[in-house]
Amino acid sequence: MIVNADCIEHLKTVEDNHFDSVVTDPPYHLTSIAKRFTNSTEAKHGKDGSFQRLSKGFMGKEWDGGDIAFTTDLWKEVYRTIKPGAVLLAFAATRNYHRMAVAIEDSGFEIFDMINWIYGTGFPKRKNLLKPAHEPIVMARKGVNRSLNIDDCRIELSKDDKLQEGLKRDGSKLDTTDISETFNFKKFDREPGLGRYPANIIHDGSEEEWSRYFYSAKASKKEKAGSNHPTVKPISLMRYLVKLVTPKNGLVLDPFAGTGTTGEACILEGRNYYLIEKTKEYIPDIEKRINKYDRLGI
C-alpha cells in the first residue's frame, strides 16, 4: 500500500498490532537548530546568514527542518501498530541520534542494539568538521525478544575463508582452519557451512578483504532513477535490513517512504510493504519503483 499523508495522522487510523516490522529513514532534522532560534537576531540576520539558509531545511527541503523523529507522538503510534516482538530499524544522523533514540525508548520500545552503516564517500560540510563516514540505525523492539533472521543474512564463506581470527587463552595462535578450534563458534554456527555471522556494522566497501563482509555502497545515480530526493538509500542495504527483521511474507511499515526503496526491497525479498509519504512530489518516484514489478498493492 502507498499512502500520501501525514504519517502520525494516518497511523491513528490503523489497527493495533498490525505490522510485522518497521524499516524507515526519518528526516534527520539537521537544521532543526534553526527552528529553536528563529526569534533571535542571529537567526534572522546572522553574520553569514547561515541560520536563514538552514531554516529552509537540508538541501532546501523543508520537511527536514522540523522535529517529528524526536517526538513520542510519532513513535507511540508506531509502537501501537506493530505486533509484539516486532523490530524497528530507523536511520539517524550521528550528531542527534540520541534525541531520536530517547523518543523511541520513551514511547515504550526496548532499544537493544545499533547498526552502523559505514561509507567512504562522505565529505565535511566545513573545514573544521570531520568527514562523515557512517550513519547509525537504531534497533528497537516491542516487548518480546523475537529472533532475528540470522541465518538468512549470513555471509557465504569460500573454501579459503577463516571463520575467526585471534589467539587462544594461552597466547598461542588460534588455528582457524579447523572449526573445532574456534572457541564457542559452533554454538552460533550451528551447522558448518552456514556462513559468517552477521554483525552490527555495514560497510560500503574498500580494497580491504574484511570489508566485503559488511558491504553496501551508497545509492548510485542510476539507482536514484532521476529522483531529486537528497537522501535515497541503496537498495542492497534496504534489502538486507528488511530481510533481517521481517518474517517471510510479513508486512513492513515505512512511515517516511521517500522514493520507496523500502517497498522495492520488500518485493525483492518476498515481504509486503506499507509506505507512507507526506511529500506529494515523491509519490511518482515510489510508483515508478514499484511499477517495475507490477505490484502497487500489498
Protein backbone atom coordinates (compact mmCIF):
# COMPACT_ATOMS: atom_id res chain seq x y z
CA MET A 1 0.00 0.00 0.00
CA ILE A 2 1.17 3.53 -0.81
CA VAL A 3 -0.33 6.38 1.23
CA ASN A 4 0.22 10.10 0.65
CA ALA A 5 -0.46 11.52 4.11
CA ASP A 6 1.00 12.75 7.37
CA CYS A 7 2.29 9.57 8.99
CA ILE A 8 1.12 10.35 12.54
CA GLU A 9 -2.41 11.19 11.46
CA HIS A 10 -2.63 8.19 9.16
CA LEU A 11 -1.26 5.72 11.71
CA LYS A 12 -4.06 6.77 14.06
CA THR A 13 -6.43 5.06 11.61
CA VAL A 14 -4.51 1.75 11.63
CA GLU A 15 -5.46 -1.07 14.00
CA ASP A 16 -3.27 -2.26 16.85
CA ASN A 17 -0.62 -4.96 16.28
CA HIS A 18 -0.83 -4.74 12.50
CA PHE A 19 2.75 -4.60 11.16
CA ASP A 20 5.50 -7.23 11.39
CA SER A 21 8.42 -4.77 11.33
CA VAL A 22 9.39 -1.14 10.68
CA VAL A 23 12.27 -0.17 8.39
CA THR A 24 12.46 3.57 7.88
CA ASP A 25 14.68 6.56 7.18
CA PRO A 26 13.13 9.52 9.04
CA PRO A 27 14.16 13.15 8.50
CA TYR A 28 17.49 13.74 10.22
CA HIS A 29 16.49 17.24 11.31
CA LEU A 30 19.99 18.54 10.70
CA THR A 31 18.53 22.03 10.50
CA SER A 32 16.20 21.86 13.49
CA ILE A 33 18.50 24.22 15.38
CA ALA A 34 17.19 26.99 13.15
CA LYS A 35 13.67 26.45 14.48
CA ARG A 36 14.85 26.89 18.04
CA PHE A 37 16.47 30.25 17.26
CA THR A 38 14.07 31.76 14.73
CA ASN A 39 13.19 34.69 17.02
CA SER A 40 16.78 35.73 17.60
CA THR A 41 18.61 38.45 15.74
CA GLU A 42 21.31 35.99 14.77
CA ALA A 43 18.75 33.61 13.32
CA LYS A 44 17.24 36.28 11.11
CA HIS A 45 20.37 38.08 10.06
CA GLY A 46 23.41 36.07 11.23
CA LYS A 47 26.97 37.01 10.44
CA ASP A 48 26.92 34.86 7.31
CA GLY A 49 23.19 34.19 7.01
CA SER A 50 23.66 30.53 7.94
CA PHE A 51 20.56 30.33 10.17
CA GLN A 52 18.45 31.85 7.44
CA ARG A 53 19.67 29.26 4.98
CA LEU A 54 19.24 26.42 7.47
CA SER A 55 15.63 27.36 8.12
CA LYS A 56 14.84 26.17 4.61
CA GLY A 57 15.86 22.63 5.53
CA PHE A 58 18.60 20.24 4.43
CA MET A 59 19.40 20.98 0.77
CA GLY A 60 16.37 23.26 0.73
CA LYS A 61 13.92 20.53 1.77
CA GLU A 62 11.52 21.97 4.35
CA TRP A 63 10.50 18.51 5.63
CA ASP A 64 13.91 18.19 7.26
CA GLY A 65 13.53 21.33 9.36
CA GLY A 66 11.10 20.01 11.96
CA ASP A 67 11.46 17.51 14.77
CA ILE A 68 8.96 14.71 14.09
CA ALA A 69 11.56 11.96 14.62
CA PHE A 70 12.35 13.38 18.05
CA THR A 71 8.76 13.21 19.35
CA THR A 72 6.91 10.44 21.15
CA ASP A 73 3.78 11.41 19.18
CA LEU A 74 5.20 9.50 16.22
CA TRP A 75 6.83 6.54 17.90
CA LYS A 76 3.88 5.80 20.20
CA GLU A 77 1.70 5.31 17.11
CA VAL A 78 4.38 3.13 15.52
CA TYR A 79 4.63 1.10 18.74
CA ARG A 80 0.87 0.63 18.94
CA THR A 81 0.52 -0.56 15.34
CA ILE A 82 3.30 -3.16 15.32
CA LYS A 83 2.99 -6.70 16.61
CA PRO A 84 4.54 -7.85 19.91
CA GLY A 85 8.19 -8.69 19.27
CA ALA A 86 8.33 -6.65 16.06
CA VAL A 87 11.62 -4.85 15.41
CA LEU A 88 12.07 -1.21 14.44
CA LEU A 89 15.07 -0.07 12.37
CA ALA A 90 15.38 3.71 11.99
CA PHE A 91 18.25 5.69 10.47
CA ALA A 92 19.56 8.83 12.15
CA ALA A 93 22.37 11.38 11.93
CA THR A 94 25.38 10.96 14.20
CA ARG A 95 25.01 14.34 15.89
CA ASN A 96 21.39 13.93 17.00
CA TYR A 97 20.90 10.14 17.10
CA HIS A 98 20.45 10.39 20.86
CA ARG A 99 17.36 12.60 20.54
CA MET A 100 15.58 10.10 18.30
CA ALA A 101 16.69 7.13 20.41
CA VAL A 102 15.34 8.71 23.61
CA ALA A 103 12.00 9.46 21.93
CA ILE A 104 11.77 5.85 20.74
CA GLU A 105 12.60 4.50 24.19
CA ASP A 106 10.17 6.86 25.91
CA SER A 107 7.44 5.55 23.59
CA GLY A 108 7.69 2.03 25.01
CA PHE A 109 10.34 0.42 22.83
CA GLU A 110 13.32 -1.51 24.14
CA ILE A 111 16.49 -0.39 22.36
CA PHE A 112 18.69 -3.47 22.08
CA ASP A 113 21.39 -2.56 19.58
CA MET A 114 22.63 -0.14 16.91
CA ILE A 115 23.72 -0.91 13.35
CA ASN A 116 26.35 1.34 11.80
CA TRP A 117 26.27 1.85 8.04
CA ILE A 118 29.81 2.93 7.16
CA TYR A 119 30.70 4.53 3.84
CA GLY A 120 33.71 6.20 2.26
CA THR A 121 32.14 8.87 0.06
CA GLY A 122 31.10 11.48 2.63
CA PHE A 123 32.59 14.96 2.74
CA PRO A 124 32.84 17.55 5.53
CA LYS A 125 30.37 20.43 5.39
CA ARG A 126 33.02 22.81 6.74
CA LYS A 127 36.80 22.69 7.03
CA ASN A 128 36.68 22.47 10.83
CA LEU A 129 34.47 19.35 10.85
CA LEU A 130 35.27 15.67 10.49
CA LYS A 131 34.33 13.88 7.28
CA PRO A 132 31.06 11.99 7.85
CA ALA A 133 31.60 8.28 7.27
CA HIS A 134 28.73 6.45 8.97
CA GLU A 135 25.05 6.64 9.82
CA PRO A 136 23.64 4.92 12.92
CA ILE A 137 20.50 2.79 12.74
CA VAL A 138 18.60 2.28 15.98
CA MET A 139 17.41 -1.27 16.67
CA ALA A 140 14.41 -1.43 18.97
CA ARG A 141 11.66 -3.93 19.63
CA LYS A 142 8.20 -4.17 21.09
CA GLY A 143 8.34 -6.33 24.18
CA VAL A 144 9.01 -9.92 23.14
CA ASN A 145 12.59 -10.89 22.34
CA ARG A 146 11.84 -12.47 18.97
CA SER A 147 14.67 -13.99 16.95
CA LEU A 148 16.15 -12.13 14.01
CA ASN A 149 16.51 -13.89 10.66
CA ILE A 150 20.19 -14.50 11.36
CA ASP A 151 20.75 -17.49 9.08
CA ASP A 152 19.14 -15.71 6.11
CA CYS A 153 21.62 -12.84 6.49
CA ARG A 154 24.87 -14.76 6.89
CA ILE A 155 27.78 -14.02 4.56
CA GLU A 156 28.70 -17.00 2.42
CA LEU A 157 32.16 -18.40 3.09
CA SER A 158 34.58 -19.54 0.44
CA LYS A 159 36.87 -22.52 0.98
CA ASP A 160 39.72 -20.15 1.83
CA ASP A 161 37.82 -18.12 4.43
CA LYS A 162 38.85 -18.23 8.08
CA LEU A 163 35.91 -18.27 10.46
CA GLN A 164 37.63 -16.47 13.30
CA GLU A 165 40.90 -14.65 13.89
CA GLY A 166 42.67 -14.37 17.22
CA LEU A 167 44.65 -16.11 19.90
CA LYS A 168 44.00 -18.93 22.32
CA ARG A 169 43.77 -18.20 26.02
CA ASP A 170 47.42 -19.22 26.48
CA GLY A 171 48.51 -16.67 23.88
CA SER A 172 49.28 -19.16 21.11
CA LYS A 173 47.94 -18.64 17.60
CA LEU A 174 44.40 -19.90 17.03
CA ASP A 175 44.16 -22.48 14.25
CA THR A 176 41.30 -21.00 12.25
CA THR A 177 41.44 -23.65 9.54
CA ASP A 178 39.60 -26.08 11.79
CA ILE A 179 36.13 -25.09 13.02
CA SER A 180 36.59 -27.27 16.09
CA GLU A 181 39.43 -24.97 17.17
CA THR A 182 37.28 -21.85 17.26
CA PHE A 183 36.03 -21.14 20.76
CA ASN A 184 32.25 -21.30 21.08
CA PHE A 185 31.79 -20.54 17.40
CA LYS A 186 29.82 -23.72 16.76
CA LYS A 187 27.02 -22.58 19.06
CA PHE A 188 26.48 -19.62 16.71
CA ASP A 189 27.25 -21.51 13.50
CA ARG A 190 25.03 -24.44 14.37
CA GLU A 191 25.93 -26.25 11.18
CA PRO A 192 29.26 -25.95 9.37
CA GLY A 193 28.93 -24.02 6.12
CA LEU A 194 26.15 -21.65 7.18
CA GLY A 195 28.43 -18.66 6.72
CA ARG A 196 29.79 -15.77 8.73
CA TYR A 197 27.53 -14.45 11.49
CA PRO A 198 26.06 -11.01 10.59
CA ALA A 199 27.42 -8.03 12.53
CA ASN A 200 26.05 -4.65 13.63
CA ILE A 201 28.15 -2.81 11.05
CA ILE A 202 27.59 -2.39 7.31
CA HIS A 203 30.39 -1.06 5.12
CA ASP A 204 30.25 0.44 1.64
CA GLY A 205 33.38 -1.37 0.54
CA SER A 206 37.10 -0.92 0.10
CA GLU A 207 40.04 -2.94 -1.12
CA GLU A 208 40.50 -4.48 2.30
CA GLU A 209 39.49 -8.14 2.42
CA TRP A 210 37.39 -7.73 5.58
CA SER A 211 35.15 -5.06 4.08
CA ARG A 212 33.21 -7.48 1.90
CA TYR A 213 31.51 -8.89 4.98
CA PHE A 214 29.77 -5.55 5.63
CA TYR A 215 29.43 -4.20 2.09
CA SER A 216 26.68 -1.85 0.96
CA ALA A 217 27.57 1.08 -1.28
CA LYS A 218 25.65 4.36 -1.42
CA ALA A 219 22.85 4.67 -3.97
CA SER A 220 24.20 5.34 -7.45
CA LYS A 221 22.82 7.91 -9.87
CA LYS A 222 21.24 5.08 -11.84
CA GLU A 223 19.60 3.71 -8.71
CA LYS A 224 18.11 7.12 -7.90
CA ALA A 225 16.42 6.97 -11.32
CA GLY A 226 16.20 10.76 -11.75
CA SER A 227 14.66 11.48 -8.33
CA ASN A 228 15.63 14.78 -6.69
CA HIS A 229 15.28 13.31 -3.19
CA PRO A 230 18.59 14.07 -1.41
CA THR A 231 18.81 11.02 0.87
CA VAL A 232 17.98 7.94 -1.23
CA LYS A 233 19.26 4.77 0.42
CA PRO A 234 20.80 1.90 -1.60
CA ILE A 235 18.51 -0.98 -2.44
CA SER A 236 21.12 -3.53 -1.32
CA LEU A 237 21.17 -2.02 2.17
CA MET A 238 17.40 -1.86 2.46
CA ARG A 239 17.02 -5.44 1.24
CA TYR A 240 19.38 -6.63 3.94
CA LEU A 241 17.58 -4.71 6.68
CA VAL A 242 14.12 -5.84 5.55
CA LYS A 243 15.28 -9.45 5.42
CA LEU A 244 16.96 -9.22 8.83
CA VAL A 245 13.93 -8.16 10.86
CA THR A 246 10.85 -9.28 8.90
CA PRO A 247 9.37 -12.79 8.68
CA LYS A 248 8.76 -14.07 5.17
CA ASN A 249 5.51 -12.67 3.75
CA GLY A 250 5.44 -10.24 6.69
CA LEU A 251 4.20 -6.64 6.42
CA VAL A 252 6.81 -3.86 6.69
CA LEU A 253 5.87 -0.32 7.69
CA ASP A 254 7.84 2.66 6.40
CA PRO A 255 6.25 5.92 7.63
CA PHE A 256 8.84 8.01 5.74
CA ALA A 257 8.86 6.24 2.40
CA GLY A 258 10.77 8.85 0.37
CA THR A 259 11.27 7.33 -3.07
CA GLY A 260 10.04 3.88 -2.00
CA THR A 261 13.31 1.99 -1.59
CA THR A 262 11.86 0.02 1.33
CA GLY A 263 8.93 -1.02 -0.85
CA GLU A 264 11.20 -2.25 -3.62
CA ALA A 265 13.31 -4.12 -1.07
CA CYS A 266 10.17 -5.82 0.25
CA ILE A 267 9.19 -7.01 -3.21
CA LEU A 268 12.64 -8.41 -3.90
CA GLU A 269 12.78 -10.16 -0.52
CA GLY A 270 9.27 -11.64 -0.56
CA ARG A 271 7.81 -9.27 2.04
CA ASN A 272 4.81 -6.91 1.85
CA TYR A 273 5.02 -3.14 2.20
CA TYR A 274 3.02 -0.31 3.71
CA LEU A 275 4.51 3.00 2.60
CA ILE A 276 3.50 6.41 3.96
CA GLU A 277 4.95 9.56 2.40
CA LYS A 278 3.79 13.07 3.22
CA THR A 279 5.52 14.94 0.36
CA LYS A 280 3.36 14.56 -2.73
CA GLU A 281 6.20 15.16 -5.19
CA TYR A 282 7.82 11.84 -4.19
CA ILE A 283 4.74 9.68 -4.81
CA PRO A 284 5.55 9.32 -8.56
CA ASP A 285 9.06 8.20 -7.59
CA ILE A 286 7.58 5.49 -5.37
CA GLU A 287 5.16 4.36 -8.07
CA LYS A 288 7.97 4.29 -10.62
CA ARG A 289 9.96 1.95 -8.40
CA ILE A 290 7.04 -0.31 -7.61
CA ASN A 291 5.66 -0.35 -11.17
CA LYS A 292 8.80 -2.14 -12.33
CA TYR A 293 7.37 -5.19 -10.61
CA ASP A 294 3.69 -4.65 -11.50
CA ARG A 295 2.74 -4.63 -7.84
CA LEU A 296 1.12 -1.49 -6.47
CA GLY A 297 -0.71 -3.09 -3.55
CA ILE A 298 0.13 -5.22 -0.55
